[in-house]
């Protein structure tokens, strides 16, 4: 069961990382402040997931 949780956490962390990077790129290409805020929240979620994996 621990292996399944770890795999799911890795997949979630990767997904959040990719979405945060996409939002960041979109914000700097003219998306505006809203895209930047969404990218920041997604990035924060990704950091939380990666830190949980380090434990």
PDB file of N, CA and C in Angstrom:
ATOM      1  N   UNK A   1       0.822  -1.196   0.000  1.00  0.00           N
ATOM      2  CA  UNK A   1       0.000   0.000   0.000  1.00  0.00           C
ATOM      3  C   UNK A   1       0.865   1.260   0.000  1.00  0.00           C
ATOM      4  N   UNK A   2       2.005   1.191   0.669  1.00  0.00           N
ATOM      5  CA  UNK A   2       2.900   2.344   0.718  1.00  0.00           C
ATOM      6  C   UNK A   2       3.421   2.697  -0.678  1.00  0.00           C
ATOM      7  N   UNK A   3       3.670   1.665  -1.479  1.00  0.00           N
ATOM      8  CA  UNK A   3       4.184   1.887  -2.836  1.00  0.00           C
ATOM      9  C   UNK A   3       3.132   2.591  -3.692  1.00  0.00           C
ATOM     10  N   UNK A   4       1.890   2.208  -3.545  1.00  0.00           N
ATOM     11  CA  UNK A   4       0.816   2.825  -4.318  1.00  0.00           C
ATOM     12  C   UNK A   4       0.667   4.299  -3.934  1.00  0.00           C
ATOM     13  N   UNK A   5       0.716   4.593  -2.642  1.00  0.00           N
ATOM     14  CA  UNK A   5       0.628   5.984  -2.184  1.00  0.00           C
ATOM     15  C   UNK A   5       1.784   6.806  -2.729  1.00  0.00           C
ATOM     16  N   UNK A   6       2.978   6.241  -2.720  1.00  0.00           N
ATOM     17  CA  UNK A   6       4.150   6.949  -3.215  1.00  0.00           C
ATOM     18  C   UNK A   6       4.026   7.240  -4.702  1.00  0.00           C
ATOM     19  N   UNK A   7       3.572   6.259  -5.467  1.00  0.00           N
ATOM     20  CA  UNK A   7       3.408   6.450  -6.911  1.00  0.00           C
ATOM     21  C   UNK A   7       2.363   7.525  -7.193  1.00  0.00           C
ATOM     22  N   UNK A   8       1.254   7.492  -6.475  1.00  0.00           N
ATOM     23  CA  UNK A   8       0.220   8.505  -6.671  1.00  0.00           C
ATOM     24  C   UNK A   8       0.708   9.896  -6.278  1.00  0.00           C
ATOM     25  N   UNK A   9       1.493   9.974  -5.219  1.00  0.00           N
ATOM     26  CA  UNK A   9       2.029  11.262  -4.798  1.00  0.00           C
ATOM     27  C   UNK A   9       3.024  11.805  -5.822  1.00  0.00           C
ATOM     28  N   UNK A  10       3.838  10.942  -6.398  1.00  0.00           N
ATOM     29  CA  UNK A  10       4.769  11.361  -7.449  1.00  0.00           C
ATOM     30  C   UNK A  10       4.010  11.867  -8.661  1.00  0.00           C
ATOM     31  N   UNK A  11       2.977  11.148  -9.066  1.00  0.00           N
ATOM     32  CA  UNK A  11       2.183  11.579 -10.223  1.00  0.00           C
ATOM     33  C   UNK A  11       1.495  12.917  -9.964  1.00  0.00           C
ATOM     34  N   UNK A  12       0.962  13.096  -8.766  1.00  0.00           N
ATOM     35  CA  UNK A  12       0.330  14.364  -8.417  1.00  0.00           C
ATOM     36  C   UNK A  12       1.349  15.498  -8.408  1.00  0.00           C
ATOM     37  N   UNK A  13       2.515  15.241  -7.849  1.00  0.00           N
ATOM     38  CA  UNK A  13       3.558  16.265  -7.810  1.00  0.00           C
ATOM     39  C   UNK A  13       4.004  16.641  -9.221  1.00  0.00           C
ATOM     40  N   UNK A  14       4.167  15.654 -10.091  1.00  0.00           N
ATOM     41  CA  UNK A  14       4.547  15.938 -11.478  1.00  0.00           C
ATOM     42  C   UNK A  14       3.469  16.734 -12.193  1.00  0.00           C
ATOM     43  N   UNK A  15       2.215  16.357 -11.997  1.00  0.00           N
ATOM     44  CA  UNK A  15       1.111  17.068 -12.637  1.00  0.00           C
ATOM     45  C   UNK A  15       1.059  18.524 -12.179  1.00  0.00           C
ATOM     46  N   UNK A  16       1.160  18.741 -10.873  1.00  0.00           N
ATOM     47  CA  UNK A  16       1.133  20.105 -10.354  1.00  0.00           C
ATOM     48  C   UNK A  16       2.323  20.922 -10.839  1.00  0.00           C
ATOM     49  N   UNK A  17       3.486  20.288 -10.946  1.00  0.00           N
ATOM     50  CA  UNK A  17       4.668  20.986 -11.438  1.00  0.00           C
ATOM     51  C   UNK A  17       4.483  21.427 -12.882  1.00  0.00           C
ATOM     52  N   UNK A  18       3.996  20.522 -13.717  1.00  0.00           N
ATOM     53  CA  UNK A  18       3.779  20.848 -15.130  1.00  0.00           C
ATOM     54  C   UNK A  18       2.719  21.936 -15.278  1.00  0.00           C
ATOM     55  N   UNK A  19       1.642  21.839 -14.517  1.00  0.00           N
ATOM     56  CA  UNK A  19       0.596  22.858 -14.593  1.00  0.00           C
ATOM     57  C   UNK A  19       1.092  24.216 -14.101  1.00  0.00           C
ATOM     58  N   UNK A  20       1.904  24.217 -13.061  1.00  0.00           N
ATOM     59  CA  UNK A  20       2.446  25.478 -12.550  1.00  0.00           C
ATOM     60  C   UNK A  20       3.383  26.121 -13.569  1.00  0.00           C
ATOM     61  N   UNK A  21       4.217  25.311 -14.196  1.00  0.00           N
ATOM     62  CA  UNK A  21       5.116  25.856 -15.223  1.00  0.00           C
ATOM     63  C   UNK A  21       4.334  26.376 -16.426  1.00  0.00           C
ATOM     64  N   UNK A  22       3.298  25.645 -16.818  1.00  0.00           N
ATOM     65  CA  UNK A  22       2.448  26.114 -17.916  1.00  0.00           C
ATOM     66  C   UNK A  22       1.737  27.415 -17.581  1.00  0.00           C
ATOM     67  N   UNK A  23       1.256  27.536 -16.363  1.00  0.00           N
ATOM     68  CA  UNK A  23       0.618  28.773 -15.932  1.00  0.00           C
ATOM     69  C   UNK A  23       1.593  29.932 -15.866  1.00  0.00           C
ATOM     70  N   UNK A  24       2.815  29.644 -15.463  1.00  0.00           N
ATOM     71  CA  UNK A  24       3.844  30.680 -15.407  1.00  0.00           C
ATOM     72  C   UNK A  24       4.191  31.174 -16.809  1.00  0.00           C
ATOM     73  N   UNK A  25       4.339  30.247 -17.727  1.00  0.00           N
ATOM     74  CA  UNK A  25       4.620  30.621 -19.123  1.00  0.00           C
ATOM     75  C   UNK A  25       3.457  31.424 -19.694  1.00  0.00           C
ATOM     76  N   UNK A  26       2.244  30.980 -19.412  1.00  0.00           N
ATOM     77  CA  UNK A  26       1.060  31.684 -19.893  1.00  0.00           C
ATOM     78  C   UNK A  26       0.975  33.096 -19.311  1.00  0.00           C
ATOM     79  N   UNK A  27       1.308  33.236 -18.054  1.00  0.00           N
ATOM     80  CA  UNK A  27       1.253  34.555 -17.408  1.00  0.00           C
ATOM     81  C   UNK A  27       2.257  35.516 -18.030  1.00  0.00           C
ATOM     82  N   UNK A  28       3.437  35.022 -18.357  1.00  0.00           N
ATOM     83  CA  UNK A  28       4.450  35.901 -18.929  1.00  0.00           C
ATOM     84  C   UNK A  28       4.246  36.146 -20.419  1.00  0.00           C
ATOM     85  N   UNK A  29       3.393  35.350 -21.062  1.00  0.00           N
ATOM     86  CA  UNK A  29       3.077  35.590 -22.473  1.00  0.00           C
ATOM     87  C   UNK A  29       1.870  36.502 -22.639  1.00  0.00           C
ATOM     88  N   UNK A  30       1.415  37.083 -21.559  1.00  0.00           N
ATOM     89  CA  UNK A  30       0.317  38.027 -21.653  1.00  0.00           C
ATOM     90  C   UNK A  30      -0.960  37.556 -21.000  1.00  0.00           C
ATOM     91  N   UNK A  31      -0.892  36.519 -20.196  1.00  0.00           N
ATOM     92  CA  UNK A  31      -2.091  35.999 -19.546  1.00  0.00           C
ATOM     93  C   UNK A  31      -2.605  36.879 -18.423  1.00  0.00           C
ATOM     94  N   UNK A  32      -1.700  37.590 -17.788  1.00  0.00           N
ATOM     95  CA  UNK A  32      -2.112  38.507 -16.741  1.00  0.00           C
ATOM     96  C   UNK A  32      -1.859  37.992 -15.337  1.00  0.00           C
ATOM     97  N   UNK A  33      -2.334  38.777 -14.394  1.00  0.00           N
ATOM     98  CA  UNK A  33      -2.096  38.508 -12.978  1.00  0.00           C
ATOM     99  C   UNK A  33      -2.828  37.259 -12.499  1.00  0.00           C
ATOM    100  N   UNK A  34      -4.011  37.014 -13.057  1.00  0.00           N
ATOM    101  CA  UNK A  34      -4.789  35.848 -12.633  1.00  0.00           C
ATOM    102  C   UNK A  34      -4.027  34.550 -12.913  1.00  0.00           C
ATOM    103  N   UNK A  35      -3.423  34.441 -14.096  1.00  0.00           N
ATOM    104  CA  UNK A  35      -2.634  33.249 -14.416  1.00  0.00           C
ATOM    105  C   UNK A  35      -1.436  33.107 -13.490  1.00  0.00           C
ATOM    106  N   UNK A  36      -0.852  34.217 -13.128  1.00  0.00           N
ATOM    107  CA  UNK A  36       0.299  34.180 -12.230  1.00  0.00           C
ATOM    108  C   UNK A  36      -0.103  33.697 -10.838  1.00  0.00           C
ATOM    109  N   UNK A  37      -1.254  34.131 -10.359  1.00  0.00           N
ATOM    110  CA  UNK A  37      -1.746  33.699  -9.046  1.00  0.00           C
ATOM    111  C   UNK A  37      -2.065  32.207  -9.062  1.00  0.00           C
ATOM    112  N   UNK A  38      -2.720  31.746 -10.117  1.00  0.00           N
ATOM    113  CA  UNK A  38      -3.033  30.309 -10.235  1.00  0.00           C
ATOM    114  C   UNK A  38      -1.749  29.486 -10.292  1.00  0.00           C
ATOM    115  N   UNK A  39      -0.758  29.955 -11.058  1.00  0.00           N
ATOM    116  CA  UNK A  39       0.524  29.253 -11.148  1.00  0.00           C
ATOM    117  C   UNK A  39       1.208  29.199  -9.789  1.00  0.00           C
ATOM    118  N   UNK A  40       1.083  30.270  -9.010  1.00  0.00           N
ATOM    119  CA  UNK A  40       1.702  30.283  -7.676  1.00  0.00           C
ATOM    120  C   UNK A  40       1.056  29.246  -6.762  1.00  0.00           C
ATOM    121  N   UNK A  41      -0.265  29.146  -6.791  1.00  0.00           N
ATOM    122  CA  UNK A  41      -0.945  28.145  -5.963  1.00  0.00           C
ATOM    123  C   UNK A  41      -0.610  26.720  -6.408  1.00  0.00           C
ATOM    124  N   UNK A  42      -0.547  26.496  -7.717  1.00  0.00           N
ATOM    125  CA  UNK A  42      -0.175  25.167  -8.208  1.00  0.00           C
ATOM    126  C   UNK A  42       1.264  24.836  -7.832  1.00  0.00           C
ATOM    127  N   UNK A  43       2.136  25.824  -7.925  1.00  0.00           N
ATOM    128  CA  UNK A  43       3.531  25.618  -7.537  1.00  0.00           C
ATOM    129  C   UNK A  43       3.662  25.303  -6.063  1.00  0.00           C
ATOM    130  N   UNK A  44       2.871  25.994  -5.245  1.00  0.00           N
ATOM    131  CA  UNK A  44       2.884  25.723  -3.802  1.00  0.00           C
ATOM    132  C   UNK A  44       2.428  24.279  -3.535  1.00  0.00           C
ATOM    133  N   UNK A  45       1.398  23.836  -4.242  1.00  0.00           N
ATOM    134  CA  UNK A  45       0.935  22.456  -4.096  1.00  0.00           C
ATOM    135  C   UNK A  45       1.991  21.450  -4.509  1.00  0.00           C
ATOM    136  N   UNK A  46       2.711  21.772  -5.575  1.00  0.00           N
ATOM    137  CA  UNK A  46       3.782  20.887  -6.036  1.00  0.00           C
ATOM    138  C   UNK A  46       4.894  20.795  -4.990  1.00  0.00           C
ATOM    139  N   UNK A  47       5.247  21.922  -4.400  1.00  0.00           N
ATOM    140  CA  UNK A  47       6.288  21.928  -3.366  1.00  0.00           C
ATOM    141  C   UNK A  47       5.863  21.085  -2.170  1.00  0.00           C
ATOM    142  N   UNK A  48       4.605  21.199  -1.781  1.00  0.00           N
ATOM    143  CA  UNK A  48       4.091  20.399  -0.664  1.00  0.00           C
ATOM    144  C   UNK A  48       4.198  18.907  -0.982  1.00  0.00           C
ATOM    145  N   UNK A  49       3.839  18.531  -2.210  1.00  0.00           N
ATOM    146  CA  UNK A  49       3.923  17.115  -2.602  1.00  0.00           C
ATOM    147  C   UNK A  49       5.366  16.624  -2.608  1.00  0.00           C
ATOM    148  N   UNK A  50       6.279  17.405  -3.182  1.00  0.00           N
ATOM    149  CA  UNK A  50       7.674  16.979  -3.239  1.00  0.00           C
ATOM    150  C   UNK A  50       8.269  16.873  -1.843  1.00  0.00           C
ATOM    151  N   UNK A  51       7.887  17.790  -0.935  1.00  0.00           N
ATOM    152  CA  UNK A  51       8.390  17.708   0.438  1.00  0.00           C
ATOM    153  C   UNK A  51       7.827  16.481   1.156  1.00  0.00           C
ATOM    154  N   UNK A  52       6.582  16.137   0.871  1.00  0.00           N
ATOM    155  CA  UNK A  52       6.000  14.945   1.486  1.00  0.00           C
ATOM    156  C   UNK A  52       6.720  13.685   1.016  1.00  0.00           C
ATOM    157  N   UNK A  53       7.215  13.704  -0.208  1.00  0.00           N
ATOM    158  CA  UNK A  53       7.946  12.544  -0.711  1.00  0.00           C
ATOM    159  C   UNK A  53       9.321  12.406  -0.071  1.00  0.00           C
ATOM    160  N   UNK A  54       9.900  13.512   0.343  1.00  0.00           N
ATOM    161  CA  UNK A  54      11.229  13.460   0.955  1.00  0.00           C
ATOM    162  C   UNK A  54      11.198  12.849   2.347  1.00  0.00           C
ATOM    163  N   UNK A  55      10.019  12.834   2.990  1.00  0.00           N
ATOM    164  CA  UNK A  55       9.913  12.271   4.338  1.00  0.00           C
ATOM    165  C   UNK A  55       9.959  10.778   4.307  1.00  0.00           C
TER     166      UNK A  55
END
